[in-house]
Protein backbone atom coordinates (compact mmCIF):
# COMPACT_ATOMS: atom_id res chain seq x y z
CA UNK A 1 -63.15 14.79 126.00
CA UNK A 2 -61.07 13.16 123.32
CA UNK A 3 -60.93 9.40 123.88
CA UNK A 4 -58.64 6.89 122.15
CA UNK A 5 -59.76 3.26 122.18
CA UNK A 6 -57.21 0.59 121.31
CA UNK A 7 -57.87 -3.05 120.44
CA UNK A 8 -54.39 -4.56 120.77
CA UNK A 9 -52.99 -7.19 118.49
CA UNK A 10 -49.61 -8.14 117.10
CA UNK A 11 -50.96 -8.56 113.57
CA UNK A 12 -53.61 -5.85 113.66
CA UNK A 13 -54.06 -3.17 116.31
CA UNK A 14 -57.31 -1.30 115.88
CA UNK A 15 -57.77 2.27 117.07
CA UNK A 16 -60.69 4.64 117.33
CA UNK A 17 -60.66 8.30 118.30
CA UNK A 18 -63.89 9.90 119.41
CA UNK A 19 -65.02 13.09 121.04
CA UNK A 20 -67.23 11.95 123.87
CA UNK A 21 -69.27 13.47 126.63
CA UNK A 22 -71.48 10.83 128.20
CA UNK A 23 -73.92 9.57 125.58
CA UNK A 24 -73.00 12.27 123.08
CA UNK A 25 -70.18 10.88 120.94
CA UNK A 26 -68.75 11.72 117.55
CA UNK A 27 -66.16 9.96 115.44
CA UNK A 28 -62.85 11.74 114.85
CA UNK A 29 -60.88 8.94 113.18
CA UNK A 30 -60.60 5.17 113.20
CA UNK A 31 -58.17 2.78 111.61
CA UNK A 32 -55.61 0.09 112.25
CA UNK A 33 -51.91 -0.58 112.51
CA UNK A 34 -50.89 -3.74 110.69
CA UNK A 35 -47.59 -5.59 111.03
CA UNK A 36 -46.15 -8.40 108.97
CA UNK A 37 -45.87 -11.88 110.51
CA UNK A 38 -42.66 -12.22 108.47
CA UNK A 39 -40.94 -9.52 110.56
CA UNK A 40 -39.19 -10.19 113.87
CA UNK A 41 -41.25 -9.42 116.95
CA UNK A 42 -39.11 -6.43 117.90
CA UNK A 43 -39.71 -4.86 114.48
CA UNK A 44 -43.45 -5.43 114.78
CA UNK A 45 -43.60 -3.94 118.28
CA UNK A 46 -41.58 -0.93 117.18
CA UNK A 47 -44.01 -0.33 114.31
CA UNK A 48 -46.97 -0.40 116.71
CA UNK A 49 -45.14 1.89 119.15
CA UNK A 50 -44.19 4.49 116.55
CA UNK A 51 -47.60 4.49 114.87
CA UNK A 52 -49.41 4.85 118.19
CA UNK A 53 -47.13 7.70 119.26
CA UNK A 54 -48.03 9.50 116.01
CA UNK A 55 -51.75 8.94 116.62
CA UNK A 56 -51.45 10.29 120.17
CA UNK A 57 -49.45 13.32 118.99
CA UNK A 58 -51.99 14.07 116.25
CA UNK A 59 -55.20 13.71 118.28
CA UNK A 60 -54.02 14.47 121.83
CA UNK A 61 -56.48 12.21 123.66
CA UNK A 62 -57.25 12.78 127.32
CA UNK A 63 -57.51 9.06 127.94
CA UNK A 64 -56.46 5.81 126.25
CA UNK A 65 -58.86 2.91 126.79
CA UNK A 66 -57.45 -0.59 126.47
CA UNK A 67 -59.14 -3.98 126.75
CA UNK A 68 -58.01 -6.02 129.75
CA UNK A 69 -56.04 -9.11 128.93
CA UNK A 70 -58.12 -12.26 128.78
CA UNK A 71 -56.37 -15.60 128.48
CA UNK A 72 -58.06 -18.88 127.68
CA UNK A 73 -56.36 -21.93 129.13
CA UNK A 74 -56.52 -23.69 125.76
CA UNK A 75 -54.60 -20.90 124.00
CA UNK A 76 -51.95 -19.54 126.40
CA UNK A 77 -49.62 -18.47 123.58
CA UNK A 78 -52.24 -15.99 122.36
CA UNK A 79 -52.10 -14.22 125.72
CA UNK A 80 -48.31 -13.99 125.59
CA UNK A 81 -48.30 -12.49 122.12
CA UNK A 82 -51.12 -10.10 123.00
CA UNK A 83 -49.20 -9.13 126.14
CA UNK A 84 -46.31 -7.87 124.00
CA UNK A 85 -48.59 -5.55 122.03
CA UNK A 86 -50.36 -4.37 125.20
CA UNK A 87 -47.03 -3.57 126.84
CA UNK A 88 -46.04 -1.42 123.89
CA UNK A 89 -49.37 0.41 124.06
CA UNK A 90 -49.04 0.99 127.81
CA UNK A 91 -45.55 2.37 127.23
CA UNK A 92 -46.86 4.82 124.62
CA UNK A 93 -49.54 6.02 127.04
CA UNK A 94 -46.94 6.64 129.76
CA UNK A 95 -44.45 8.32 127.42
CA UNK A 96 -47.14 10.71 126.19
CA UNK A 97 -48.72 11.41 129.60
CA UNK A 98 -52.08 9.96 128.54
CA UNK A 99 -54.23 8.41 131.25
CA UNK A 100 -54.58 4.66 130.72
CA UNK A 101 -57.85 2.92 131.57
CA UNK A 102 -58.56 -0.79 131.16
CA UNK A 103 -61.92 -2.55 130.93
CA UNK A 104 -62.94 -6.16 130.51
CA UNK A 105 -64.57 -6.93 127.17
CA UNK A 106 -67.78 -7.96 128.95
CA UNK A 107 -68.00 -4.56 130.67
CA UNK A 108 -67.65 -2.74 127.35
CA UNK A 109 -70.23 -4.99 125.70
CA UNK A 110 -72.67 -4.24 128.51
CA UNK A 111 -72.09 -0.49 128.18
CA UNK A 112 -72.63 -0.59 124.41
CA UNK A 113 -75.42 -3.17 124.04
CA UNK A 114 -76.81 -3.60 127.55
CA UNK A 115 -75.61 -7.22 127.57
CA UNK A 116 -72.15 -8.37 128.69
CA UNK A 117 -72.31 -11.52 126.58
CA UNK A 118 -73.31 -9.75 123.35
CA UNK A 119 -71.86 -11.18 120.16
CA UNK A 120 -69.19 -9.41 118.18
CA UNK A 121 -71.76 -8.76 115.44
CA UNK A 122 -74.17 -7.13 117.91
CA UNK A 123 -71.42 -4.81 119.13
CA UNK A 124 -70.40 -3.97 115.55
CA UNK A 125 -73.99 -3.10 114.59
CA UNK A 126 -74.36 -0.90 117.69
CA UNK A 127 -71.15 0.96 116.83
CA UNK A 128 -72.44 1.49 113.30
CA UNK A 129 -75.75 2.80 114.68
CA UNK A 130 -74.28 4.99 117.43
CA UNK A 131 -71.90 6.72 115.02
CA UNK A 132 -74.41 6.78 112.12
CA UNK A 133 -72.00 4.97 109.81
CA UNK A 134 -73.03 3.60 106.43
CA UNK A 135 -71.08 0.40 107.00
CA UNK A 136 -69.61 -1.52 109.92
CA UNK A 137 -65.98 -0.48 110.49
CA UNK A 138 -63.55 -3.09 109.17
CA UNK A 139 -61.56 -4.97 110.22
CA UNK A 140 -63.34 -5.97 113.44
CA UNK A 141 -60.39 -4.61 115.46
CA UNK A 142 -61.51 -1.09 114.48
CA UNK A 143 -65.08 -1.52 115.72
CA UNK A 144 -63.71 -3.12 118.92
CA UNK A 145 -61.48 -0.09 119.49
CA UNK A 146 -64.41 2.26 118.89
CA UNK A 147 -66.50 0.21 121.34
CA UNK A 148 -63.83 0.73 124.00
CA UNK A 149 -63.81 4.50 123.48
CA UNK A 150 -67.60 4.81 123.36
CA UNK A 151 -68.05 2.48 126.33
CA UNK A 152 -65.68 4.63 128.36
CA UNK A 153 -67.63 7.75 127.46
CA UNK A 154 -70.91 6.10 128.44
CA UNK A 155 -69.56 4.77 131.72
CA UNK A 156 -67.88 8.08 132.60
CA UNK A 157 -71.25 9.75 132.40
CA UNK A 158 -72.87 7.26 134.74
CA UNK A 159 -69.95 7.39 137.19
CA UNK A 160 -69.69 11.18 137.45
CA UNK A 161 -73.33 12.22 137.12
CA UNK A 162 -74.90 10.10 139.83
CA UNK A 163 -77.29 11.80 142.24
CA UNK A 164 -76.55 10.94 145.84
């Protein structure tokens, strides 16, 4: 199955496309969509929306995996801004008839590293190892997006292949 992982952000939205079947995964493409803080928010959201629609049209994923929104009480504005980008991504999924799945960051970390509280660096190194990459994908938004896609593939295997 073709899986598209998205790490949402207003400045940088990371994406990773993999072909995944349980623990067998291969990289198709990974990258990021960057917007300028100088632009109005509607211009930035439109850029994310258009770019994501192109990615979906090109790779035709069966599922789009998005990180659940986490808001820290000390930084509520971050959640609002992130919510705008997430809304745009959810809209793209709906417009393109792509199933949308959301996971908490801790659930993805556990699927990738075996530990829900793993550091960002641990997750990045695991992504590098799993995909046999020479370097860690940069920026970090890209490795986070790949972690979402790979985590979904891993968890799908455990969900659907259980013996009862």
